[in-house]
C-alpha atoms as a PDB file:
ATOM      1  CA  MET A   1     -11.383  23.001  -5.610  1.00  0.00           C
ATOM      2  CA  PHE A   2     -11.628  20.518  -3.082  1.00  0.00           C
ATOM      3  CA  ASP A   3     -13.810  19.401   0.435  1.00  0.00           C
ATOM      4  CA  SER A   4     -10.612  18.371   2.382  1.00  0.00           C
ATOM      5  CA  HIS A   5     -12.255  17.348   6.303  1.00  0.00           C
ATOM      6  CA  MET A   6     -14.507  14.754   6.131  1.00  0.00           C
ATOM      7  CA  HIS A   7     -15.139  11.290   7.985  1.00  0.00           C
ATOM      8  CA  THR A   8     -16.119   7.725   7.967  1.00  0.00           C
ATOM      9  CA  PRO A   9     -18.012   5.589   9.895  1.00  0.00           C
ATOM     10  CA  LEU A  10     -14.958   4.354  11.606  1.00  0.00           C
ATOM     11  CA  CYS A  11     -14.637   7.293  13.894  1.00  0.00           C
ATOM     12  CA  HIS A  12     -17.828   5.730  15.162  1.00  0.00           C
ATOM     13  CA  HIS A  13     -19.920   9.067  14.672  1.00  0.00           C
ATOM     14  CA  ALA A  14     -20.098   9.068  11.156  1.00  0.00           C
ATOM     15  CA  ILE A  15     -22.213   7.384   8.183  1.00  0.00           C
ATOM     16  CA  GLY A  16     -21.774   7.134   4.794  1.00  0.00           C
ATOM     17  CA  THR A  17     -19.377   5.390   2.573  1.00  0.00           C
ATOM     18  CA  PRO A  18     -16.518   6.844   0.838  1.00  0.00           C
ATOM     19  CA  ILE A  19     -18.217   6.456  -2.649  1.00  0.00           C
ATOM     20  CA  GLU A  20     -21.152   8.166  -1.489  1.00  0.00           C
ATOM     21  CA  TYR A  21     -19.383  11.111  -0.097  1.00  0.00           C
ATOM     22  CA  ALA A  22     -17.452  11.110  -3.159  1.00  0.00           C
ATOM     23  CA  GLN A  23     -20.826  11.475  -5.662  1.00  0.00           C
ATOM     24  CA  VAL A  24     -22.382  14.346  -3.862  1.00  0.00           C
ATOM     25  CA  ALA A  25     -18.811  16.230  -4.446  1.00  0.00           C
ATOM     26  CA  LYS A  26     -19.061  15.308  -7.990  1.00  0.00           C
ATOM     27  CA  GLU A  27     -22.431  16.478  -8.374  1.00  0.00           C
ATOM     28  CA  GLN A  28     -21.252  19.706  -6.428  1.00  0.00           C
ATOM     29  CA  GLY A  29     -18.773  19.980  -9.322  1.00  0.00           C
ATOM     30  CA  LEU A  30     -16.108  19.780  -7.037  1.00  0.00           C
ATOM     31  CA  THR A  31     -12.399  18.495  -8.109  1.00  0.00           C
ATOM     32  CA  GLY A  32     -11.922  16.095  -5.283  1.00  0.00           C
ATOM     33  CA  ILE A  33     -12.282  15.245  -1.567  1.00  0.00           C
ATOM     34  CA  CYS A  34      -9.811  14.196   1.470  1.00  0.00           C
ATOM     35  CA  PHE A  35     -10.961  12.284   4.041  1.00  0.00           C
ATOM     36  CA  THR A  36      -9.415  13.044   7.500  1.00  0.00           C
ATOM     37  CA  GLU A  37     -10.017  10.510  10.138  1.00  0.00           C
ATOM     38  CA  HIS A  38      -9.907  11.492  14.114  1.00  0.00           C
ATOM     39  CA  MET A  39      -6.322   9.571  14.931  1.00  0.00           C
ATOM     40  CA  PRO A  40      -6.249   6.991  17.545  1.00  0.00           C
ATOM     41  CA  LEU A  41      -4.817   7.619  20.520  1.00  0.00           C
ATOM     42  CA  PRO A  42      -2.205   5.360  22.860  1.00  0.00           C
ATOM     43  CA  ASP A  43      -4.027   2.672  24.392  1.00  0.00           C
ATOM     44  CA  ASP A  44      -6.984   3.193  22.180  1.00  0.00           C
ATOM     45  CA  ALA A  45      -8.699   5.982  24.490  1.00  0.00           C
ATOM     46  CA  ASP A  46     -11.437   7.512  23.478  1.00  0.00           C
ATOM     47  CA  ALA A  47     -12.064   4.581  20.759  1.00  0.00           C
ATOM     48  CA  HIS A  48     -15.469   5.483  20.796  1.00  0.00           C
ATOM     49  CA  VAL A  49     -15.323   8.376  19.004  1.00  0.00           C
ATOM     50  CA  ARG A  50     -11.965   7.964  16.971  1.00  0.00           C
ATOM     51  CA  LEU A  51     -10.002   4.976  15.366  1.00  0.00           C
ATOM     52  CA  LYS A  52      -8.620   2.086  16.928  1.00  0.00           C
ATOM     53  CA  LEU A  53      -5.205   1.479  16.582  1.00  0.00           C
ATOM     54  CA  ALA A  54      -5.682  -1.620  14.492  1.00  0.00           C
ATOM     55  CA  GLU A  55      -8.450   0.214  12.308  1.00  0.00           C
ATOM     56  CA  VAL A  56      -5.597   3.006  10.609  1.00  0.00           C
ATOM     57  CA  ALA A  57      -4.815   0.004   7.903  1.00  0.00           C
ATOM     58  CA  THR A  58      -8.539  -0.641   7.308  1.00  0.00           C
ATOM     59  CA  TYR A  59      -9.056   3.096   7.176  1.00  0.00           C
ATOM     60  CA  ARG A  60      -6.585   3.815   4.393  1.00  0.00           C
ATOM     61  CA  GLU A  61      -7.627   0.312   2.690  1.00  0.00           C
ATOM     62  CA  LEU A  62     -11.172   1.520   2.633  1.00  0.00           C
ATOM     63  CA  ILE A  63     -10.206   4.920   0.848  1.00  0.00           C
ATOM     64  CA  PHE A  64      -7.692   2.908  -1.448  1.00  0.00           C
ATOM     65  CA  GLU A  65     -10.694   0.820  -2.431  1.00  0.00           C
ATOM     66  CA  ALA A  66     -13.478   3.857  -3.083  1.00  0.00           C
ATOM     67  CA  ARG A  67     -10.576   5.370  -4.897  1.00  0.00           C
ATOM     68  CA  ASP A  68     -10.131   2.501  -7.317  1.00  0.00           C
ATOM     69  CA  GLN A  69     -13.880   2.084  -7.728  1.00  0.00           C
ATOM     70  CA  THR A  70     -14.095   6.190  -9.398  1.00  0.00           C
ATOM     71  CA  ASP A  71     -12.103   8.267 -11.202  1.00  0.00           C
ATOM     72  CA  PHE A  72     -12.672  10.999  -8.969  1.00  0.00           C
ATOM     73  CA  GLU A  73     -10.007  12.446  -6.863  1.00  0.00           C
ATOM     74  CA  ILE A  74     -10.004  10.854  -3.236  1.00  0.00           C
ATOM     75  CA  ARG A  75      -7.437  11.737  -1.056  1.00  0.00           C
ATOM     76  CA  CYS A  76      -6.500  10.119   2.683  1.00  0.00           C
ATOM     77  CA  GLY A  77      -5.625  12.438   5.706  1.00  0.00           C
ATOM     78  CA  LEU A  78      -6.036  12.612   9.094  1.00  0.00           C
ATOM     79  CA  GLU A  79      -7.216  14.938  11.810  1.00  0.00           C
ATOM     80  CA  MET A  80      -4.462  14.527  14.539  1.00  0.00           C
ATOM     81  CA  ASP A  81      -5.305  16.173  18.243  1.00  0.00           C
ATOM     82  CA  PHE A  82      -2.684  17.641  19.555  1.00  0.00           C
ATOM     83  CA  ILE A  83      -1.825  16.367  23.351  1.00  0.00           C
ATOM     84  CA  PRO A  84       1.472  17.820  24.245  1.00  0.00           C
ATOM     85  CA  GLU A  85       2.125  14.397  26.214  1.00  0.00           C
ATOM     86  CA  ILE A  86       1.531  12.139  23.017  1.00  0.00           C
ATOM     87  CA  GLU A  87       3.449  14.130  20.207  1.00  0.00           C
ATOM     88  CA  ALA A  88       6.007  11.613  19.847  1.00  0.00           C
ATOM     89  CA  PHE A  89       3.243   8.757  19.428  1.00  0.00           C
ATOM     90  CA  SER A  90       1.762  11.337  16.703  1.00  0.00           C
ATOM     91  CA  GLN A  91       5.135  11.867  15.019  1.00  0.00           C
ATOM     92  CA  THR A  92       5.893   7.727  14.951  1.00  0.00           C
ATOM     93  CA  LEU A  93       1.550   7.402  13.449  1.00  0.00           C
ATOM     94  CA  LEU A  94       2.533   9.936  10.628  1.00  0.00           C
ATOM     95  CA  GLU A  95       5.762   8.879   9.537  1.00  0.00           C
ATOM     96  CA  ALA A  96       4.366   5.105   9.847  1.00  0.00           C
ATOM     97  CA  HIS A  97       2.198   5.901   6.221  1.00  0.00           C
ATOM     98  CA  ASN A  98       2.076   8.194   3.299  1.00  0.00           C
ATOM     99  CA  TRP A  99      -0.902  10.686   4.567  1.00  0.00           C
ATOM    100  CA  ASP A 100      -2.315  13.495   1.592  1.00  0.00           C
ATOM    101  CA  TYR A 101      -3.117  15.937   4.331  1.00  0.00           C
ATOM    102  CA  VAL A 102      -2.952  16.212   8.584  1.00  0.00           C
ATOM    103  CA  ILE A 103      -5.311  18.728  10.103  1.00  0.00           C
ATOM    104  CA  GLY A 104      -4.004  19.749  14.001  1.00  0.00           C
ATOM    105  CA  SER A 105      -6.717  20.078  16.194  1.00  0.00           C
ATOM    106  CA  VAL A 106      -7.303  20.676  19.944  1.00  0.00           C
ATOM    107  CA  HIS A 107     -10.425  19.006  21.337  1.00  0.00           C
ATOM    108  CA  ARG A 108      -9.227  18.733  25.165  1.00  0.00           C
ATOM    109  CA  VAL A 109      -8.316  21.333  27.688  1.00  0.00           C
ATOM    110  CA  GLY A 110      -6.911  19.916  30.532  1.00  0.00           C
ATOM    111  CA  GLU A 111      -9.339  17.293  32.263  1.00  0.00           C
ATOM    112  CA  LEU A 112     -11.911  19.035  30.166  1.00  0.00           C
ATOM    113  CA  ALA A 113     -13.050  17.196  27.176  1.00  0.00           C
ATOM    114  CA  TYR A 114     -14.711  18.191  23.953  1.00  0.00           C
ATOM    115  CA  GLY A 115     -18.031  19.984  24.496  1.00  0.00           C
ATOM    116  CA  VAL A 116     -17.300  20.162  28.527  1.00  0.00           C
ATOM    117  CA  ALA A 117     -17.648  23.707  29.783  1.00  0.00           C
ATOM    118  CA  PRO A 118     -15.400  25.249  32.484  1.00  0.00           C
ATOM    119  CA  HIS A 119     -16.770  27.046  35.420  1.00  0.00           C
ATOM    120  CA  PRO A 120     -18.100  30.275  34.496  1.00  0.00           C
ATOM    121  CA  ASP A 121     -15.313  31.980  36.581  1.00  0.00           C
ATOM    122  CA  ASP A 122     -12.658  30.073  34.770  1.00  0.00           C
ATOM    123  CA  LEU A 123     -13.908  30.941  31.034  1.00  0.00           C
ATOM    124  CA  GLU A 124     -11.441  32.953  30.014  1.00  0.00           C
ATOM    125  CA  ARG A 125      -8.727  31.134  31.452  1.00  0.00           C
ATOM    126  CA  TYR A 126      -9.976  28.468  29.667  1.00  0.00           C
ATOM    127  CA  TRP A 127      -9.874  29.855  26.482  1.00  0.00           C
ATOM    128  CA  ARG A 128      -6.513  31.124  26.887  1.00  0.00           C
ATOM    129  CA  ALA A 129      -5.195  27.911  27.539  1.00  0.00           C
ATOM    130  CA  TYR A 130      -7.209  26.677  24.408  1.00  0.00           C
ATOM    131  CA  TYR A 131      -5.411  29.165  22.639  1.00  0.00           C
ATOM    132  CA  ALA A 132      -1.729  28.288  24.117  1.00  0.00           C
ATOM    133  CA  LEU A 133      -2.262  24.328  22.985  1.00  0.00           C
ATOM    134  CA  VAL A 134      -3.586  25.907  19.730  1.00  0.00           C
ATOM    135  CA  ALA A 135      -0.116  27.836  19.308  1.00  0.00           C
ATOM    136  CA  ARG A 136       2.159  24.990  20.467  1.00  0.00           C
ATOM    137  CA  ALA A 137       0.367  22.685  17.677  1.00  0.00           C
ATOM    138  CA  ALA A 138       1.297  25.217  15.111  1.00  0.00           C
ATOM    139  CA  LYS A 139       4.964  25.146  16.868  1.00  0.00           C
ATOM    140  CA  SER A 140       5.050  21.503  16.566  1.00  0.00           C
ATOM    141  CA  GLY A 141       5.773  20.683  12.887  1.00  0.00           C
ATOM    142  CA  LEU A 142       3.170  17.997  12.841  1.00  0.00           C
ATOM    143  CA  TYR A 143       0.405  19.393  10.687  1.00  0.00           C
ATOM    144  CA  ASP A 144      -0.640  20.915   7.746  1.00  0.00           C
ATOM    145  CA  SER A 145      -3.076  23.179   8.807  1.00  0.00           C
ATOM    146  CA  ILE A 146      -4.985  23.785  11.943  1.00  0.00           C
ATOM    147  CA  GLY A 147      -8.276  22.642  12.032  1.00  0.00           C
ATOM    148  CA  HIS A 148     -11.603  24.419  13.452  1.00  0.00           C
ATOM    149  CA  LEU A 149      -9.465  27.268  15.048  1.00  0.00           C
ATOM    150  CA  ASP A 150     -12.323  28.657  17.453  1.00  0.00           C
ATOM    151  CA  LEU A 151     -13.954  25.667  18.059  1.00  0.00           C
ATOM    152  CA  PRO A 152     -15.263  25.691  21.718  1.00  0.00           C
ATOM    153  CA  ARG A 153     -17.435  28.237  20.519  1.00  0.00           C
ATOM    154  CA  ARG A 154     -19.669  25.673  19.607  1.00  0.00           C
ATOM    155  CA  TRP A 155     -20.894  25.267  23.325  1.00  0.00           C
ATOM    156  CA  LEU A 156     -19.422  28.338  24.848  1.00  0.00           C
ATOM    157  CA  GLN A 157     -19.499  31.857  24.659  1.00  0.00           C
ATOM    158  CA  ALA A 158     -16.589  33.735  23.070  1.00  0.00           C
ATOM    159  CA  PRO A 159     -14.551  35.418  25.585  1.00  0.00           C
ATOM    160  CA  GLU A 160     -14.237  39.424  25.833  1.00  0.00           C
ATOM    161  CA  HIS A 161     -11.420  40.715  23.289  1.00  0.00           C
ATOM    162  CA  HIS A 162     -11.711  37.463  21.363  1.00  0.00           C
ATOM    163  CA  LEU A 163      -9.606  38.403  18.443  1.00  0.00           C
ATOM    164  CA  GLU A 164      -7.182  40.499  20.571  1.00  0.00           C
ATOM    165  CA  MET A 165      -6.313  36.717  21.909  1.00  0.00           C
ATOM    166  CA  VAL A 166      -5.963  35.241  18.854  1.00  0.00           C
ATOM    167  CA  LEU A 167      -4.133  37.721  16.961  1.00  0.00           C
ATOM    168  CA  PRO A 168      -0.919  36.184  18.245  1.00  0.00           C
ATOM    169  CA  VAL A 169      -1.947  32.603  17.571  1.00  0.00           C
ATOM    170  CA  LEU A 170      -2.531  33.606  13.864  1.00  0.00           C
ATOM    171  CA  ASP A 171       1.046  35.500  13.741  1.00  0.00           C
ATOM    172  CA  VAL A 172       2.687  31.696  14.946  1.00  0.00           C
ATOM    173  CA  ILE A 173       0.457  29.880  12.279  1.00  0.00           C
ATOM    174  CA  ALA A 174       1.553  32.018   9.493  1.00  0.00           C
ATOM    175  CA  LYS A 175       4.956  31.948  10.980  1.00  0.00           C
ATOM    176  CA  HIS A 176       5.484  28.455  10.637  1.00  0.00           C
ATOM    177  CA  GLY A 177       3.658  28.114   7.334  1.00  0.00           C
ATOM    178  CA  LEU A 178       0.186  26.218   8.016  1.00  0.00           C
ATOM    179  CA  ALA A 179      -2.960  26.798   6.357  1.00  0.00           C
ATOM    180  CA  LEU A 180      -6.348  27.309   8.502  1.00  0.00           C
ATOM    181  CA  ASP A 181      -9.149  24.951   8.065  1.00  0.00           C
ATOM    182  CA  LEU A 182     -11.806  26.903   6.869  1.00  0.00           C
ATOM    183  CA  ASN A 183     -14.400  24.525   8.526  1.00  0.00           C
ATOM    184  CA  THR A 184     -18.129  25.319   7.251  1.00  0.00           C
ATOM    185  CA  SER A 185     -19.705  22.982   9.826  1.00  0.00           C
ATOM    186  CA  GLY A 186     -20.990  25.940  12.139  1.00  0.00           C
ATOM    187  CA  MET A 187     -22.903  27.070   9.393  1.00  0.00           C
ATOM    188  CA  ARG A 188     -25.021  23.747   9.834  1.00  0.00           C
ATOM    189  CA  GLY A 189     -25.328  24.207  13.319  1.00  0.00           C
ATOM    190  CA  ASP A 190     -26.614  26.813  15.733  1.00  0.00           C
ATOM    191  CA  LEU A 191     -23.769  28.949  15.415  1.00  0.00           C
ATOM    192  CA  LYS A 192     -24.326  30.010  12.014  1.00  0.00           C
ATOM    193  CA  ALA A 193     -20.519  30.934  11.327  1.00  0.00           C
ATOM    194  CA  THR A 194     -17.824  29.282  10.132  1.00  0.00           C
ATOM    195  CA  HIS A 195     -14.610  28.515  12.086  1.00  0.00           C
ATOM    196  CA  PRO A 196     -12.929  30.557  12.057  1.00  0.00           C
ATOM    197  CA  PRO A 197     -15.425  33.696  11.971  1.00  0.00           C
ATOM    198  CA  LEU A 198     -15.023  36.268   9.132  1.00  0.00           C
ATOM    199  CA  GLU A 199     -13.095  38.646  11.472  1.00  0.00           C
ATOM    200  CA  PHE A 200     -10.483  36.185  11.977  1.00  0.00           C
ATOM    201  CA  LEU A 201     -10.102  35.533   8.678  1.00  0.00           C
ATOM    202  CA  ALA A 202      -9.808  38.889   7.682  1.00  0.00           C
ATOM    203  CA  GLU A 203      -6.484  38.830  10.056  1.00  0.00           C
ATOM    204  CA  ALA A 204      -5.458  35.527   8.631  1.00  0.00           C
ATOM    205  CA  PHE A 205      -5.485  37.377   4.662  1.00  0.00           C
ATOM    206  CA  ASN A 206      -3.578  39.807   6.216  1.00  0.00           C
ATOM    207  CA  ARG A 207      -1.205  36.894   7.268  1.00  0.00           C
ATOM    208  CA  ASN A 208      -1.066  35.283   3.954  1.00  0.00           C
ATOM    209  CA  ILE A 209      -2.042  32.152   5.707  1.00  0.00           C
ATOM    210  CA  PRO A 210      -4.190  30.003   3.289  1.00  0.00           C
ATOM    211  CA  LEU A 211      -7.071  28.205   3.374  1.00  0.00           C
ATOM    212  CA  VAL A 212      -8.607  24.891   3.352  1.00  0.00           C
ATOM    213  CA  LEU A 213     -11.809  24.392   2.738  1.00  0.00           C
ATOM    214  CA  GLY A 214     -13.675  21.366   4.906  1.00  0.00           C
ATOM    215  CA  SER A 215     -17.307  20.479   5.572  1.00  0.00           C
ATOM    216  CA  ASP A 216     -16.331  18.354   8.500  1.00  0.00           C
ATOM    217  CA  ALA A 217     -18.724  15.953   6.883  1.00  0.00           C
ATOM    218  CA  HIS A 218     -19.818  13.262   9.177  1.00  0.00           C
ATOM    219  CA  ASN A 219     -22.357  12.190   6.623  1.00  0.00           C
ATOM    220  CA  PRO A 220     -22.700  12.765   2.857  1.00  0.00           C
ATOM    221  CA  ASP A 221     -25.004  15.055   3.095  1.00  0.00           C
ATOM    222  CA  HIS A 222     -22.720  17.512   4.539  1.00  0.00           C
ATOM    223  CA  VAL A 223     -19.991  17.376   2.064  1.00  0.00           C
ATOM    224  CA  GLY A 224     -19.266  21.057   0.569  1.00  0.00           C
ATOM    225  CA  SER A 225     -22.002  22.230   2.296  1.00  0.00           C
ATOM    226  CA  HIS A 226     -22.395  26.288   2.593  1.00  0.00           C
ATOM    227  CA  PHE A 227     -19.005  26.363   0.226  1.00  0.00           C
ATOM    228  CA  GLU A 228     -20.781  28.960  -2.263  1.00  0.00           C
ATOM    229  CA  GLU A 229     -21.659  31.482   0.672  1.00  0.00           C
ATOM    230  CA  VAL A 230     -18.446  30.666   2.433  1.00  0.00           C
ATOM    231  CA  ILE A 231     -16.373  31.502  -1.027  1.00  0.00           C
ATOM    232  CA  LYS A 232     -18.252  35.015  -1.140  1.00  0.00           C
ATOM    233  CA  LEU A 233     -17.109  35.710   2.614  1.00  0.00           C
ATOM    234  CA  ILE A 234     -13.516  35.188   2.025  1.00  0.00           C
ATOM    235  CA  LYS A 235     -13.699  37.159  -1.359  1.00  0.00           C
ATOM    236  CA  SER A 236     -14.971  40.071   0.804  1.00  0.00           C
ATOM    237  CA  VAL A 237     -11.888  40.361   2.688  1.00  0.00           C
ATOM    238  CA  GLY A 238      -9.247  39.356  -0.278  1.00  0.00           C
ATOM    239  CA  TYR A 239      -9.013  35.762  -0.763  1.00  0.00           C
ATOM    240  CA  THR A 240      -8.572  34.745  -4.663  1.00  0.00           C
ATOM    241  CA  GLU A 241      -7.641  31.370  -4.050  1.00  0.00           C
ATOM    242  CA  VAL A 242      -7.932  28.147  -1.553  1.00  0.00           C
ATOM    243  CA  VAL A 243      -5.402  25.237  -1.165  1.00  0.00           C
ATOM    244  CA  ALA A 244      -5.922  21.436  -0.979  1.00  0.00           C
ATOM    245  CA  PHE A 245      -2.800  18.969   0.145  1.00  0.00           C
ATOM    246  CA  GLU A 246      -1.383  15.715  -1.726  1.00  0.00           C
ATOM    247  CA  GLN A 247       1.286  14.078  -0.462  1.00  0.00           C
ATOM    248  CA  ARG A 248       1.341  16.900   2.354  1.00  0.00           C
ATOM    249  CA  GLN A 249       2.233  19.347  -0.773  1.00  0.00           C
ATOM    250  CA  LEU A 250       0.304  22.635  -1.121  1.00  0.00           C
ATOM    251  CA  GLU A 251      -1.721  22.868  -4.395  1.00  0.00           C
ATOM    252  CA  LYS A 252      -3.645  26.314  -5.156  1.00  0.00           C
ATOM    253  CA  TYR A 253      -7.189  26.674  -6.608  1.00  0.00           C
ATOM    254  CA  ALA A 254      -8.428  30.251  -7.977  1.00  0.00           C
ATOM    255  CA  ILE A 255     -12.228  30.693  -6.496  1.00  0.00           C
END
């Protein structure tokens, strides 16, 4: 079983070496890990929270050097923002290197960046715009999974009829053969829930959408966090396996 969502200091908001992440994973009995660093943007926009363009090669070398220093399985992927205006840029970045796993995430809605709340009167409009972007991401053909499906719950109240709003998005994800990032970072914070929550996971199971376990670790201590608890949760809605990716190909692991 893999932890397939984690970061390095090259995103400028994580700590620890890849070897340290691997050591924690090994101690927890995991099969391997996959780093998924935040992609660079054109002109190095938002470079304080992600790779710079010139650091892509450095990132890959960092992972490959760690791989050579241990017998533990370490893979190299990306967490890619879905921004409609830069789809061609994203495609070029994917084609320039061999990646093991690519997460598609939406961190910005219009002019509102991650963590910025809309006006209260615009809350439902914001959520609908967010999920419209997630659906477009699923249709884009760029990604292997959709990251932290309900991410804005970290700083926003969930909309009324949230599940009803999400069901068509899950239909799109299933139709286009993507997995879901089963992201345990919410368990570590005030939310005390996975991204996505259990009711969404039950609907994902009904649509045969595979799940990729990911701690979204920005610190070695986060690796594999709450995995045992989360596995019990997903078993309760019918899942008997989780998946990981190598060279963009899906692998199944019984739970």
